[in-house]
């Protein structure tokens, strides 16, 4: 394959890595996704094996005789074939176990021969491309050796090829991909979800008298303000006459900078009367500008519409792309919005200020966390926080998780005896530990099987603590850690994070009711009310 057949070390490592990719990870996956993942992990393994083999040959001069090499190849290929057959056979059972653990249908389609064919075919393509790059590098080094000393030519050639590949991957492939995604996302941002109409209430952005136009809200902003909980639904839940919820949203096209967007958002809040409501929530958005409707709806049901919330769009790219290219903009937008809202809030007499809370899901939690320096700063300047499915990059989350009290698991950490922040996956988790929990309170909802929470570069080379000792309630006991492979498995799990039932993966559903009930309950709110709201949200 491009001048010579695959090497022994590379082939062995490729087979081991591909077989390791068949083992269970956090979430179930499809047979096609498994085939692609097997090919990619196989190529990674081939690179590792080929590198180790080259280092071994340079360190040891001895070469086995031809007969011994042929025997070694035969034994290696036979063992790899047997291992592949065994792991392919058990892979369907592993996937069924995962689905059963999450209450999913265990009757699945799992084409073992097709998985193998897809893996081998894609592996061949990827390896061919890699060999072409290596061949180009060797040609360059051979040309340089005619003009400069041997070692200089090799160093310059390796550096030149590495830089060329890096620049091509980053400035050509990745940049072109981001540009294409930006073009597609900008078109999507101009669209509107079916059935979403401009609001008739002046207390919703894009409605009558609003300082921001309906069109400038963007697709997710129009969904957010155009689907505020209706009076009929609020009345059906509370049995009382509701108020009109206030939802303020400023789209990416409404102002040039995060500071200008934040100033416009405050004007919208003033116009709508948000500072006269009992609770005011500053919301973080994901990359597209999306706000989890469960977070917004839950608070509106709890307060019978007497709530106000505000969000600002900083991007229209999908969240995972935004995480790569717009993280700093997300953080800057979160800081600008909270500072502007709090500055206006602080002008009110202390007895007339609404409860000021913050919330966000996924990248939205990252955005709002970065409005604060640490946990102490958060509770000093806000009246509570609810963060849902926080990414591993969240600074405050990391400080709490890795500074947890001894004996508490990383997937359900206890920090400072739970006096300020608590973590939960199920409704009963917030009751532990049983000590005092004064206000302001901070709640993190995180599922033990959520790849958004656990994906980290450290997975590449070290076993994560969530796979050591006691495991989370929905983490497969058969999941193992493999260098390089597990990182790729968890990365691929992101594609399935929303394809599992609520309470698993990146789906939180009705449990958001318990989070808000702990952070910002209205007067007279009871545990029975929380149970009713949880059931309502679970059915949405």
Protein backbone atom coordinates (compact mmCIF):
# COMPACT_ATOMS: atom_id res chain seq x y z
CA UNK A 1 0.00 0.00 0.00
CA UNK A 2 1.93 3.01 -1.38
CA UNK A 3 5.37 1.44 -1.86
CA UNK A 4 5.24 -1.21 0.87
CA UNK A 5 2.78 -3.36 2.86
CA UNK A 6 1.61 -2.39 6.39
CA UNK A 7 4.14 -2.93 9.17
CA UNK A 8 3.94 -5.51 11.96
CA UNK A 9 3.70 -3.10 14.91
CA UNK A 10 1.22 -0.82 13.18
CA UNK A 11 -1.05 -3.69 12.13
CA UNK A 12 -1.06 -5.21 15.62
CA UNK A 13 -1.84 -1.91 17.33
CA UNK A 14 -4.49 -1.05 14.74
CA UNK A 15 -6.30 -4.33 15.40
CA UNK A 16 -6.11 -3.87 19.17
CA UNK A 17 -7.40 -0.29 19.00
CA UNK A 18 -10.24 -1.21 16.63
CA UNK A 19 -11.31 -4.07 18.91
CA UNK A 20 -11.15 -1.79 21.95
CA UNK A 21 -13.53 0.62 20.18
CA UNK A 22 -16.16 -2.15 20.14
CA UNK A 23 -16.32 -2.21 23.94
CA UNK A 24 -19.12 -0.22 25.65
CA UNK A 25 -18.81 3.48 26.34
CA UNK A 26 -21.20 5.93 28.00
CA UNK A 27 -24.06 5.70 25.49
CA UNK A 28 -25.47 3.25 22.92
CA UNK A 29 -24.47 3.75 19.29
CA UNK A 30 -25.53 2.55 15.86
CA UNK A 31 -23.74 -0.07 13.77
CA UNK A 32 -22.71 2.53 11.19
CA UNK A 33 -21.25 4.84 13.82
CA UNK A 34 -19.38 1.86 15.23
CA UNK A 35 -17.88 1.09 11.83
CA UNK A 36 -16.59 4.65 11.42
CA UNK A 37 -15.28 4.72 14.98
CA UNK A 38 -13.46 1.42 14.48
CA UNK A 39 -11.69 2.80 11.39
CA UNK A 40 -10.57 6.00 13.08
CA UNK A 41 -9.35 4.26 16.24
CA UNK A 42 -7.62 1.68 14.03
CA UNK A 43 -5.69 4.41 12.21
CA UNK A 44 -4.74 5.99 15.54
CA UNK A 45 -3.53 2.60 16.72
CA UNK A 46 -1.57 2.05 13.53
CA UNK A 47 0.22 5.36 14.04
CA UNK A 48 1.11 4.42 17.63
CA UNK A 49 2.28 0.94 16.66
CA UNK A 50 4.29 2.12 13.67
CA UNK A 51 6.02 4.78 15.77
CA UNK A 52 6.92 2.31 18.52
CA UNK A 53 8.15 -0.15 15.89
CA UNK A 54 10.39 2.45 14.28
CA UNK A 55 11.83 3.42 17.66
CA UNK A 56 12.47 -0.25 18.45
CA UNK A 57 14.26 -0.84 15.15
CA UNK A 58 16.47 2.17 15.68
CA UNK A 59 17.39 1.03 19.19
CA UNK A 60 17.93 -2.69 18.46
CA UNK A 61 20.01 -3.75 15.47
CA UNK A 62 18.98 -7.44 15.55
CA UNK A 63 16.52 -8.61 12.88
CA UNK A 64 14.85 -12.03 13.14
CA UNK A 65 15.30 -14.39 10.19
CA UNK A 66 12.68 -14.44 7.44
CA UNK A 67 11.11 -17.67 8.63
CA UNK A 68 10.63 -16.31 12.16
CA UNK A 69 9.10 -13.12 10.80
CA UNK A 70 6.62 -15.09 8.67
CA UNK A 71 5.66 -17.20 11.69
CA UNK A 72 5.24 -14.08 13.85
CA UNK A 73 2.97 -12.54 11.21
CA UNK A 74 0.86 -15.69 10.96
CA UNK A 75 0.45 -15.93 14.73
CA UNK A 76 -0.30 -12.22 15.07
CA UNK A 77 -2.90 -12.19 12.30
CA UNK A 78 -4.56 -15.31 13.68
CA UNK A 79 -4.79 -13.88 17.18
CA UNK A 80 -6.08 -10.54 15.88
CA UNK A 81 -8.71 -12.30 13.77
CA UNK A 82 -9.85 -14.30 16.79
CA UNK A 83 -9.95 -11.20 18.98
CA UNK A 84 -11.94 -9.30 16.33
CA UNK A 85 -14.42 -12.17 16.05
CA UNK A 86 -14.90 -12.34 19.82
CA UNK A 87 -15.32 -8.58 20.31
CA UNK A 88 -17.67 -8.31 17.33
CA UNK A 89 -19.74 -11.15 18.73
CA UNK A 90 -20.01 -9.62 22.19
CA UNK A 91 -20.45 -6.05 20.92
CA UNK A 92 -24.17 -6.50 20.32
CA UNK A 93 -24.65 -7.75 23.89
CA UNK A 94 -22.72 -4.77 25.22
CA UNK A 95 -24.95 -2.40 23.27
CA UNK A 96 -28.08 -4.18 24.50
CA UNK A 97 -26.85 -3.98 28.09
CA UNK A 98 -26.36 -0.24 27.68
CA UNK A 99 -29.82 0.23 26.25
CA UNK A 100 -31.38 -1.85 29.02
CA UNK A 101 -29.54 0.22 31.62
CA UNK A 102 -31.21 3.32 30.20
CA UNK A 103 -34.67 1.81 29.76
CA UNK A 104 -34.44 1.67 25.96
CA UNK A 105 -35.67 -0.97 23.52
CA UNK A 106 -33.05 -3.72 23.38
CA UNK A 107 -34.19 -5.00 19.98
CA UNK A 108 -31.52 -3.47 17.78
CA UNK A 109 -30.07 -3.95 14.32
CA UNK A 110 -26.34 -4.71 14.55
CA UNK A 111 -24.73 -5.93 11.31
CA UNK A 112 -21.45 -7.44 12.47
CA UNK A 113 -20.08 -8.25 8.96
CA UNK A 114 -21.00 -4.77 7.71
CA UNK A 115 -19.33 -3.16 10.73
CA UNK A 116 -16.16 -5.09 9.89
CA UNK A 117 -16.38 -4.15 6.22
CA UNK A 118 -16.89 -0.45 6.94
CA UNK A 119 -14.03 -0.47 9.43
CA UNK A 120 -11.60 -2.19 7.06
CA UNK A 121 -12.57 -0.07 4.04
CA UNK A 122 -12.31 3.27 5.81
CA UNK A 123 -9.12 2.17 7.57
CA UNK A 124 -7.58 1.44 4.17
CA UNK A 125 -8.53 4.89 2.86
CA UNK A 126 -7.16 6.68 5.94
CA UNK A 127 -3.95 4.65 5.90
CA UNK A 128 -3.46 5.35 2.19
CA UNK A 129 -3.71 9.09 2.84
CA UNK A 130 -1.24 8.85 5.71
CA UNK A 131 1.19 6.84 3.57
CA UNK A 132 0.98 9.48 0.81
CA UNK A 133 1.94 12.17 3.31
CA UNK A 134 4.86 10.06 4.53
CA UNK A 135 5.99 9.39 0.96
CA UNK A 136 5.97 13.13 0.26
CA UNK A 137 8.04 13.68 3.40
CA UNK A 138 10.60 11.11 2.35
CA UNK A 139 10.87 12.66 -1.09
CA UNK A 140 11.46 16.08 0.46
CA UNK A 141 14.10 14.71 2.83
CA UNK A 142 15.85 12.91 -0.05
CA UNK A 143 15.98 16.15 -2.03
CA UNK A 144 17.30 18.12 0.97
CA UNK A 145 20.02 15.53 1.61
CA UNK A 146 21.60 16.51 -1.71
CA UNK A 147 22.32 20.03 -0.41
CA UNK A 148 22.63 19.89 3.40
CA UNK A 149 24.07 17.44 5.96
CA UNK A 150 22.05 14.26 6.61
CA UNK A 151 20.65 15.18 10.04
CA UNK A 152 19.84 18.74 8.98
CA UNK A 153 17.90 17.47 5.98
CA UNK A 154 15.91 15.02 8.12
CA UNK A 155 15.04 17.62 10.77
CA UNK A 156 14.10 20.28 8.23
CA UNK A 157 12.08 17.76 6.19
CA UNK A 158 10.11 16.46 9.20
CA UNK A 159 9.41 20.00 10.43
CA UNK A 160 8.34 21.15 6.96
CA UNK A 161 5.95 18.23 6.44
CA UNK A 162 4.52 18.61 9.96
CA UNK A 163 3.91 22.31 9.41
CA UNK A 164 2.38 21.65 5.98
CA UNK A 165 -0.03 19.06 7.36
CA UNK A 166 -0.90 21.26 10.35
CA UNK A 167 -1.49 24.35 8.23
CA UNK A 168 -3.52 22.35 5.72
CA UNK A 169 -5.65 20.75 8.44
CA UNK A 170 -6.21 23.98 10.35
CA UNK A 171 -6.17 26.76 7.76
CA UNK A 172 -7.66 24.83 4.85
CA UNK A 173 -9.77 21.90 6.04
CA UNK A 174 -10.95 23.20 9.42
CA UNK A 175 -11.30 26.83 8.32
CA UNK A 176 -13.23 25.77 5.23
CA UNK A 177 -15.44 23.57 7.38
CA UNK A 178 -16.13 26.41 9.86
CA UNK A 179 -16.82 28.80 6.98
CA UNK A 180 -19.24 26.33 5.44
CA UNK A 181 -20.92 25.73 8.79
CA UNK A 182 -21.16 29.50 9.27
CA UNK A 183 -22.83 29.92 5.88
CA UNK A 184 -25.32 27.14 6.57
CA UNK A 185 -25.98 28.31 10.13
CA UNK A 186 -26.52 31.92 9.07
CA UNK A 187 -29.20 30.77 6.64
CA UNK A 188 -30.76 28.59 9.36
CA UNK A 189 -30.65 31.52 11.78
CA UNK A 190 -32.83 33.54 9.42
CA UNK A 191 -35.51 30.86 9.42
CA UNK A 192 -38.32 30.27 11.90
CA UNK A 193 -39.57 27.03 13.44
CA UNK A 194 -42.93 25.88 12.04
CA UNK A 195 -45.86 27.22 14.02
CA UNK A 196 -43.87 29.94 15.81
CA UNK A 197 -45.50 33.36 15.44
CA UNK A 198 -44.54 36.87 16.61
CA UNK A 199 -45.82 37.43 20.17
CA UNK A 200 -48.85 39.63 20.74
CA UNK A 201 -47.71 40.70 24.23
CA UNK A 202 -45.46 43.77 24.70
CA UNK A 203 -43.71 41.88 27.51
CA UNK A 204 -42.02 39.58 25.02
CA UNK A 205 -39.15 40.66 22.79
CA UNK A 206 -40.21 40.96 19.17
CA UNK A 207 -43.74 41.88 20.24
CA UNK A 208 -45.53 45.27 20.18
CA UNK A 209 -43.31 48.12 21.35
CA UNK A 210 -40.19 45.96 21.56
CA UNK A 211 -36.81 47.63 21.00
CA UNK A 212 -35.69 44.54 19.05
CA UNK A 213 -37.39 43.40 15.89
CA UNK A 214 -38.83 39.94 15.45
CA UNK A 215 -36.46 39.23 12.56
CA UNK A 216 -33.34 40.28 14.50
CA UNK A 217 -34.01 37.67 17.20
CA UNK A 218 -32.72 34.82 15.08
CA UNK A 219 -34.28 31.39 14.82
CA UNK A 220 -33.72 30.36 18.44
CA UNK A 221 -34.65 33.78 19.80
CA UNK A 222 -37.95 33.65 17.94
CA UNK A 223 -38.59 30.21 19.40
CA UNK A 224 -37.77 31.48 22.89
CA UNK A 225 -40.04 34.54 22.89
CA UNK A 226 -42.69 33.10 20.60
CA UNK A 227 -43.36 30.09 22.85
CA UNK A 228 -43.68 31.64 26.29
CA UNK A 229 -45.99 29.57 28.46
CA UNK A 230 -49.59 30.49 27.67
CA UNK A 231 -52.08 31.83 30.21
CA UNK A 232 -54.27 28.75 29.70
CA UNK A 233 -51.44 26.36 30.58
CA UNK A 234 -50.41 28.43 33.59
CA UNK A 235 -53.98 28.59 34.88
CA UNK A 236 -54.43 24.84 34.39
CA UNK A 237 -51.35 24.17 36.51
CA UNK A 238 -51.91 26.75 39.27
CA UNK A 239 -55.69 27.08 39.35
CA UNK A 240 -55.23 30.84 39.65
CA UNK A 241 -55.20 33.79 37.29
CA UNK A 242 -51.67 34.01 35.85
CA UNK A 243 -49.52 36.92 34.79
CA UNK A 244 -47.91 37.34 31.40
CA UNK A 245 -44.35 35.91 31.55
CA UNK A 246 -41.56 38.26 30.50
CA UNK A 247 -39.00 36.88 28.07
CA UNK A 248 -36.33 39.23 26.73
CA UNK A 249 -33.94 38.16 24.00
CA UNK A 250 -31.36 40.07 21.97
CA UNK A 251 -30.15 38.38 18.80
CA UNK A 252 -26.71 38.45 17.27
CA UNK A 253 -27.78 40.93 14.58
CA UNK A 254 -29.36 43.45 16.98
CA UNK A 255 -26.11 45.08 18.16
CA UNK A 256 -22.42 45.03 17.23
CA UNK A 257 -20.77 44.01 20.51
CA UNK A 258 -21.66 41.97 23.62
CA UNK A 259 -21.71 45.20 25.64
CA UNK A 260 -24.15 46.81 23.21
CA UNK A 261 -26.33 43.71 23.22
CA UNK A 262 -26.34 43.71 27.03
CA UNK A 263 -27.30 47.40 27.17
CA UNK A 264 -30.14 46.77 24.75
CA UNK A 265 -31.27 43.78 26.83
CA UNK A 266 -31.46 45.96 29.94
CA UNK A 267 -33.57 48.52 28.06
CA UNK A 268 -35.88 45.69 27.02
CA UNK A 269 -36.13 44.49 30.62
CA UNK A 270 -37.02 47.99 31.80
CA UNK A 271 -39.61 48.41 29.07
CA UNK A 272 -41.26 45.09 29.92
CA UNK A 273 -41.31 45.74 33.68
CA UNK A 274 -38.94 42.88 34.50
CA UNK A 275 -37.40 44.61 37.52
CA UNK A 276 -40.83 44.63 39.18
CA UNK A 277 -41.17 40.83 39.07
CA UNK A 278 -40.31 38.62 42.06
CA UNK A 279 -37.64 36.69 40.11
CA UNK A 280 -35.32 37.72 37.27
CA UNK A 281 -33.22 35.08 35.52
CA UNK A 282 -30.14 35.71 33.39
CA UNK A 283 -29.87 32.81 30.96
CA UNK A 284 -26.90 31.48 29.03
CA UNK A 285 -27.45 30.19 25.50
CA UNK A 286 -25.80 27.44 23.51
CA UNK A 287 -23.92 28.10 20.27
CA UNK A 288 -27.02 28.52 18.11
CA UNK A 289 -28.62 30.82 20.67
CA UNK A 290 -30.83 28.02 21.99
CA UNK A 291 -32.35 28.12 25.47
CA UNK A 292 -33.69 24.90 27.00
CA UNK A 293 -37.45 25.43 27.14
CA UNK A 294 -37.64 23.24 30.25
CA UNK A 295 -35.52 25.77 32.16
CA UNK A 296 -37.73 28.67 31.06
CA UNK A 297 -41.08 26.87 31.31
CA UNK A 298 -40.37 25.45 34.77
CA UNK A 299 -39.78 28.88 36.27
CA UNK A 300 -42.89 30.31 34.61
CA UNK A 301 -45.05 27.50 35.97
CA UNK A 302 -43.55 27.91 39.45
CA UNK A 303 -44.28 31.65 39.55
CA UNK A 304 -47.57 31.43 37.64
CA UNK A 305 -46.13 33.72 34.97
CA UNK A 306 -44.77 36.34 37.41
CA UNK A 307 -41.21 35.76 36.20
CA UNK A 308 -38.76 37.54 33.94
CA UNK A 309 -35.81 36.15 32.04
CA UNK A 310 -33.25 37.48 29.61
CA UNK A 311 -30.83 35.88 27.14
CA UNK A 312 -28.42 37.12 24.48
CA UNK A 313 -27.19 35.30 21.37
CA UNK A 314 -23.42 35.29 20.75
CA UNK A 315 -23.27 32.84 17.81
CA UNK A 316 -25.39 30.86 15.38
CA UNK A 317 -22.96 27.95 14.98
CA UNK A 318 -23.76 24.52 16.44
CA UNK A 319 -22.60 24.25 20.05
CA UNK A 320 -19.67 21.92 19.43
CA UNK A 321 -18.31 24.25 16.73
CA UNK A 322 -18.93 27.28 18.95
CA UNK A 323 -17.05 25.51 21.74
CA UNK A 324 -14.02 25.32 19.46
CA UNK A 325 -14.13 28.80 17.94
CA UNK A 326 -16.46 31.00 20.04
CA UNK A 327 -15.71 30.06 23.66
CA UNK A 328 -14.15 33.40 24.51
CA UNK A 329 -17.07 35.23 22.90
CA UNK A 330 -19.48 33.14 24.97
CA UNK A 331 -17.62 34.04 28.15
CA UNK A 332 -17.47 37.73 27.21
CA UNK A 333 -21.19 37.79 26.44
CA UNK A 334 -22.07 36.14 29.74
CA UNK A 335 -20.00 38.64 31.69
CA UNK A 336 -21.38 41.63 29.81
CA UNK A 337 -25.00 40.55 30.21
CA UNK A 338 -24.84 39.74 33.91
CA UNK A 339 -22.86 42.88 34.77
CA UNK A 340 -25.33 45.10 32.90
CA UNK A 341 -28.39 43.46 34.44
CA UNK A 342 -26.94 43.50 37.95
CA UNK A 343 -25.87 47.14 37.65
CA UNK A 344 -29.46 48.11 36.84
CA UNK A 345 -30.81 45.75 39.53
CA UNK A 346 -28.51 47.33 42.15
CA UNK A 347 -30.10 50.76 41.56
CA UNK A 348 -33.35 49.50 43.10
CA UNK A 349 -33.99 49.78 46.83
CA UNK A 350 -32.96 46.51 48.52
CA UNK A 351 -36.54 45.74 49.53
CA UNK A 352 -37.81 46.07 45.95
CA UNK A 353 -35.20 44.04 44.11
CA UNK A 354 -36.29 40.81 42.40
CA UNK A 355 -34.48 37.59 43.20
CA UNK A 356 -31.58 37.61 40.70
CA UNK A 357 -30.61 34.12 39.54
CA UNK A 358 -28.57 32.68 36.67
CA UNK A 359 -28.96 29.52 34.64
CA UNK A 360 -27.74 27.78 31.52
CA UNK A 361 -27.45 24.37 29.92
CA UNK A 362 -24.32 22.94 28.33
CA UNK A 363 -22.38 25.80 26.68
CA UNK A 364 -24.92 28.16 28.25
CA UNK A 365 -23.67 27.12 31.69
CA UNK A 366 -20.11 27.81 30.54
CA UNK A 367 -21.22 31.27 29.42
CA UNK A 368 -22.85 32.13 32.75
CA UNK A 369 -20.14 30.60 34.93
CA UNK A 370 -17.65 32.96 33.33
CA UNK A 371 -19.55 35.96 34.66
CA UNK A 372 -18.00 35.08 38.03
CA UNK A 373 -14.52 34.49 39.38
CA UNK A 374 -15.40 31.56 41.64
CA UNK A 375 -18.20 30.08 43.74
CA UNK A 376 -17.88 32.75 46.43
CA UNK A 377 -18.17 35.50 43.82
CA UNK A 378 -21.24 33.80 42.36
CA UNK A 379 -23.18 33.61 45.63
CA UNK A 380 -22.05 37.12 46.64
CA UNK A 381 -23.48 38.69 43.48
CA UNK A 382 -26.40 36.40 42.57
CA UNK A 383 -29.27 34.88 44.51
CA UNK A 384 -28.71 31.39 43.15
CA UNK A 385 -27.79 29.39 40.08
CA UNK A 386 -29.00 26.33 38.19
CA UNK A 387 -26.50 24.82 35.76
CA UNK A 388 -27.54 21.86 33.60
CA UNK A 389 -25.18 19.44 31.83
CA UNK A 390 -22.03 21.55 32.41
CA UNK A 391 -19.08 20.97 30.02
CA UNK A 392 -15.85 19.70 31.53
CA UNK A 393 -14.21 23.06 30.75
CA UNK A 394 -16.38 24.99 33.26
CA UNK A 395 -13.99 26.58 35.74
CA UNK A 396 -16.23 26.70 38.84
CA UNK A 397 -17.52 23.19 38.13
CA UNK A 398 -13.97 21.86 37.94
CA UNK A 399 -12.98 23.56 41.19
CA UNK A 400 -15.95 22.02 43.00
CA UNK A 401 -15.59 18.59 41.40
CA UNK A 402 -11.87 18.11 41.87
CA UNK A 403 -11.88 19.87 45.24
CA UNK A 404 -14.65 17.60 46.52
CA UNK A 405 -14.83 16.21 50.02
CA UNK A 406 -13.00 12.89 50.50
CA UNK A 407 -15.18 9.87 49.91
CA UNK A 408 -17.63 11.49 47.52
CA UNK A 409 -17.60 10.22 43.91
CA UNK A 410 -16.63 12.53 41.08
CA UNK A 411 -19.98 11.95 39.35
CA UNK A 412 -21.87 13.12 42.46
CA UNK A 413 -19.35 15.26 44.35
CA UNK A 414 -19.92 16.82 47.74
CA UNK A 415 -18.12 20.12 48.22
CA UNK A 416 -17.78 21.75 51.63
CA UNK A 417 -20.46 19.42 53.03
CA UNK A 418 -22.94 20.74 50.44
CA UNK A 419 -23.33 24.10 52.20
CA UNK A 420 -23.52 26.08 48.93
CA UNK A 421 -23.41 23.88 45.82
CA UNK A 422 -24.96 20.47 45.28
CA UNK A 423 -25.04 17.99 42.39
CA UNK A 424 -27.92 15.82 41.25
CA UNK A 425 -29.02 13.34 38.62
CA UNK A 426 -32.29 12.17 40.17
CA UNK A 427 -34.96 13.97 42.24
CA UNK A 428 -33.67 12.71 45.59
CA UNK A 429 -30.00 13.57 45.09
CA UNK A 430 -30.28 17.17 46.30
CA UNK A 431 -31.24 15.97 49.80
CA UNK A 432 -27.69 14.70 50.29
CA UNK A 433 -25.67 15.46 52.28
CA UNK A 434 -28.12 16.07 55.08
CA UNK A 435 -26.48 19.15 56.59
CA UNK A 436 -27.53 22.81 56.40
CA UNK A 437 -28.04 24.38 52.97
CA UNK A 438 -28.61 28.11 53.35
CA UNK A 439 -29.38 30.45 50.49
CA UNK A 440 -28.09 31.46 47.97
CA UNK A 441 -27.88 27.95 46.54
CA UNK A 442 -26.12 26.59 43.47
CA UNK A 443 -27.35 23.40 41.79
CA UNK A 444 -25.62 21.37 39.09
CA UNK A 445 -27.73 18.80 37.26
CA UNK A 446 -25.43 16.27 35.65
CA UNK A 447 -26.08 12.74 34.47
CA UNK A 448 -23.32 10.25 35.13
CA UNK A 449 -23.63 9.14 31.49
CA UNK A 450 -23.45 12.64 29.96
CA UNK A 451 -20.47 12.82 27.55
CA UNK A 452 -20.69 16.64 27.57
CA UNK A 453 -19.74 16.55 31.25
CA UNK A 454 -16.91 14.04 30.98
CA UNK A 455 -15.20 14.75 27.65
CA UNK A 456 -11.74 16.06 28.49
CA UNK A 457 -8.27 15.92 26.90
CA UNK A 458 -7.07 14.08 30.01
CA UNK A 459 -9.04 11.03 28.77
CA UNK A 460 -6.35 10.57 26.12
CA UNK A 461 -3.67 9.35 28.51
CA UNK A 462 -5.15 8.85 32.00
CA UNK A 463 -8.00 6.82 33.45
CA UNK A 464 -10.77 9.15 34.61
CA UNK A 465 -11.98 9.02 38.22
CA UNK A 466 -15.55 8.37 37.06
CA UNK A 467 -14.39 4.94 35.83
CA UNK A 468 -12.66 4.13 39.12
CA UNK A 469 -14.35 2.86 42.26
CA UNK A 470 -18.11 3.27 42.57
CA UNK A 471 -19.66 4.19 39.23
CA UNK A 472 -22.64 6.35 38.39
CA UNK A 473 -26.05 4.66 38.29
CA UNK A 474 -26.21 4.58 34.48
CA UNK A 475 -22.54 3.93 33.65
CA UNK A 476 -22.01 0.42 32.30
CA UNK A 477 -19.95 -1.70 34.73
CA UNK A 478 -18.27 -3.29 31.67
CA UNK A 479 -16.92 0.01 30.34
CA UNK A 480 -13.10 0.10 30.45
CA UNK A 481 -10.55 2.81 29.84
CA UNK A 482 -8.08 2.48 26.95
CA UNK A 483 -5.45 5.12 26.12
CA UNK A 484 -6.55 7.29 23.16
CA UNK A 485 -9.54 5.02 22.42
CA UNK A 486 -11.79 6.06 25.31
CA UNK A 487 -11.39 9.74 24.43
CA UNK A 488 -12.60 8.98 20.91
CA UNK A 489 -15.46 6.82 22.23
CA UNK A 490 -16.72 9.60 24.52
CA UNK A 491 -16.32 12.14 21.71
CA UNK A 492 -18.47 9.96 19.46
CA UNK A 493 -20.98 9.56 22.31
CA UNK A 494 -21.72 13.28 21.88
CA UNK A 495 -23.60 12.36 18.69
CA UNK A 496 -25.98 10.19 20.73
CA UNK A 497 -26.25 12.43 23.77
CA UNK A 498 -29.83 13.49 22.99
CA UNK A 499 -31.00 10.12 21.65
CA UNK A 500 -31.57 8.52 25.06
CA UNK A 501 -34.38 8.84 27.62
CA UNK A 502 -34.52 11.75 30.04
CA UNK A 503 -32.20 11.32 33.01
CA UNK A 504 -29.42 9.88 30.83
CA UNK A 505 -26.91 11.32 28.40
CA UNK A 506 -27.47 15.04 27.87
CA UNK A 507 -31.22 14.93 28.56
CA UNK A 508 -32.51 16.36 31.85
CA UNK A 509 -36.23 16.90 31.29
CA UNK A 510 -38.40 16.99 34.40
CA UNK A 511 -35.47 16.97 36.84
CA UNK A 512 -35.07 20.67 36.10
CA UNK A 513 -38.14 21.20 38.31
CA UNK A 514 -36.21 19.87 41.31
CA UNK A 515 -33.28 22.15 40.49
CA UNK A 516 -35.41 25.30 40.43
CA UNK A 517 -37.35 24.18 43.52
CA UNK A 518 -34.06 24.06 45.41
CA UNK A 519 -32.64 27.31 44.04
CA UNK A 520 -35.55 29.76 43.72
CA UNK A 521 -38.95 28.45 44.91
CA UNK A 522 -41.79 30.96 45.24
CA UNK A 523 -43.47 31.43 48.64
CA UNK A 524 -45.64 28.47 49.57
CA UNK A 525 -44.08 26.10 47.07
CA UNK A 526 -44.23 22.46 48.27
CA UNK A 527 -42.66 19.11 47.44
CA UNK A 528 -46.00 18.05 45.95
CA UNK A 529 -45.88 21.07 43.63
CA UNK A 530 -42.41 20.00 42.52
CA UNK A 531 -43.64 16.49 41.80
CA UNK A 532 -46.53 17.85 39.70
CA UNK A 533 -44.20 20.14 37.78
CA UNK A 534 -41.68 17.36 37.22
CA UNK A 535 -44.41 15.17 35.74
CA UNK A 536 -45.62 18.05 33.56
CA UNK A 537 -42.14 18.81 32.20
CA UNK A 538 -41.43 15.14 31.60
CA UNK A 539 -44.44 14.97 29.32
CA UNK A 540 -43.50 18.01 27.23
